[in-house]
């Protein structure tokens, strides 16, 4: 059974930085694509960034150039470095393993950016 545990969320001022982590259980981590999604109040969950098993990345236009996704297969962990944060980045951030349809989700971590 796969478990994903996010950490690193919190309250930060506009222009600040946060680094989210997602630790995964299981021995097949390196074979999975991983992603970060977010959901703001009253809005649908949306893709933030994704990283393939081979390390290829893609980002939503809203975070491109500000956020960086990375993975450490030795630690079964992915990261999301978030710089130049804006109030509109405020949301619950979720880690995903293996895609939105049949994949696994973490419990989420709250990121709040004050103006």
Protein backbone atom coordinates (compact mmCIF):
# COMPACT_ATOMS: atom_id res chain seq x y z
CA UNK A 1 0.00 0.00 0.00
CA UNK A 2 1.35 3.37 -1.01
CA UNK A 3 1.32 6.29 1.39
CA UNK A 4 2.26 9.85 0.50
CA UNK A 5 3.05 12.35 3.24
CA UNK A 6 3.43 16.03 2.40
CA UNK A 7 5.18 18.59 4.56
CA UNK A 8 6.55 22.10 4.35
CA UNK A 9 3.42 24.16 3.98
CA UNK A 10 2.75 27.26 6.01
CA UNK A 11 2.12 30.98 6.00
CA UNK A 12 4.47 33.23 4.03
CA UNK A 13 4.42 36.81 2.82
CA UNK A 14 4.06 37.68 -0.83
CA UNK A 15 7.43 37.34 -2.56
CA UNK A 16 8.63 34.72 -0.11
CA UNK A 17 9.60 31.10 -0.60
CA UNK A 18 8.58 27.68 0.66
CA UNK A 19 9.78 24.18 -0.06
CA UNK A 20 7.28 21.34 -0.02
CA UNK A 21 8.29 17.72 0.40
CA UNK A 22 6.39 14.53 -0.32
CA UNK A 23 7.70 11.26 1.06
CA UNK A 24 6.37 8.05 -0.45
CA UNK A 25 6.29 4.54 0.93
CA UNK A 26 6.88 1.51 -1.26
CA UNK A 27 9.70 0.16 -3.38
CA UNK A 28 8.44 1.19 -6.82
CA UNK A 29 8.80 4.96 -6.35
CA UNK A 30 11.41 5.45 -9.06
CA UNK A 31 9.12 3.95 -11.71
CA UNK A 32 6.28 6.39 -11.15
CA UNK A 33 5.64 9.85 -12.47
CA UNK A 34 4.96 12.24 -9.62
CA UNK A 35 3.13 15.51 -9.41
CA UNK A 36 2.03 18.42 -7.30
CA UNK A 37 -1.53 19.66 -7.55
CA UNK A 38 -3.33 22.40 -5.67
CA UNK A 39 -6.88 23.31 -4.80
CA UNK A 40 -7.96 26.76 -3.72
CA UNK A 41 -11.31 27.35 -1.96
CA UNK A 42 -14.17 27.17 -4.43
CA UNK A 43 -11.93 26.03 -7.27
CA UNK A 44 -11.11 22.74 -8.92
CA UNK A 45 -7.90 20.90 -8.23
CA UNK A 46 -5.27 21.86 -10.79
CA UNK A 47 -1.88 20.62 -11.86
CA UNK A 48 1.07 22.64 -10.59
CA UNK A 49 4.04 20.58 -11.74
CA UNK A 50 4.86 17.05 -12.79
CA UNK A 51 8.05 15.02 -13.04
CA UNK A 52 8.39 11.77 -14.95
CA UNK A 53 10.27 8.70 -13.83
CA UNK A 54 13.09 9.86 -16.10
CA UNK A 55 13.17 13.35 -14.64
CA UNK A 56 11.35 15.30 -17.35
CA UNK A 57 9.31 18.13 -15.92
CA UNK A 58 6.37 20.28 -16.90
CA UNK A 59 4.67 23.17 -15.17
CA UNK A 60 1.45 25.10 -15.31
CA UNK A 61 1.84 28.49 -16.94
CA UNK A 62 0.95 30.21 -13.68
CA UNK A 63 4.02 28.87 -11.85
CA UNK A 64 6.54 28.49 -14.67
CA UNK A 65 9.77 30.26 -13.77
CA UNK A 66 8.89 30.48 -10.07
CA UNK A 67 8.44 26.84 -8.98
CA UNK A 68 10.79 23.90 -9.41
CA UNK A 69 9.88 20.26 -8.99
CA UNK A 70 12.55 17.67 -8.28
CA UNK A 71 12.85 14.11 -7.05
CA UNK A 72 15.30 12.08 -5.00
CA UNK A 73 14.71 8.42 -5.77
CA UNK A 74 17.12 7.32 -3.05
CA UNK A 75 14.85 8.99 -0.49
CA UNK A 76 11.51 8.21 -2.19
CA UNK A 77 10.81 11.94 -2.05
CA UNK A 78 9.78 14.73 -4.35
CA UNK A 79 10.09 18.42 -3.69
CA UNK A 80 8.48 21.62 -4.84
CA UNK A 81 10.60 24.71 -4.42
CA UNK A 82 8.27 27.71 -4.58
CA UNK A 83 9.80 31.16 -5.03
CA UNK A 84 8.27 34.59 -5.58
CA UNK A 85 5.04 33.41 -4.02
CA UNK A 86 1.85 35.34 -4.73
CA UNK A 87 -1.46 35.49 -2.84
CA UNK A 88 -3.06 33.57 -5.71
CA UNK A 89 -0.77 30.63 -4.89
CA UNK A 90 -2.76 30.13 -1.68
CA UNK A 91 -4.21 26.61 -1.73
CA UNK A 92 -3.96 23.13 -0.35
CA UNK A 93 -1.12 21.40 -2.19
CA UNK A 94 -1.40 17.68 -2.87
CA UNK A 95 1.22 15.17 -3.90
CA UNK A 96 0.26 12.59 -6.52
CA UNK A 97 1.89 9.38 -7.61
CA UNK A 98 0.95 7.69 -10.84
CA UNK A 99 -1.62 10.06 -12.31
CA UNK A 100 -4.97 11.53 -11.36
CA UNK A 101 -7.20 8.65 -12.47
CA UNK A 102 -5.61 5.58 -10.92
CA UNK A 103 -2.87 7.14 -8.83
CA UNK A 104 -2.33 7.83 -5.17
CA UNK A 105 -2.81 11.09 -3.25
CA UNK A 106 -1.39 12.58 -0.11
CA UNK A 107 -3.47 14.32 2.53
CA UNK A 108 -2.43 17.79 1.41
CA UNK A 109 -0.54 20.65 2.99
CA UNK A 110 -1.84 24.20 3.30
CA UNK A 111 0.09 27.07 1.71
CA UNK A 112 -1.09 30.56 2.54
CA UNK A 113 0.49 33.63 0.98
CA UNK A 114 -0.36 36.96 2.57
CA UNK A 115 -0.30 40.20 0.60
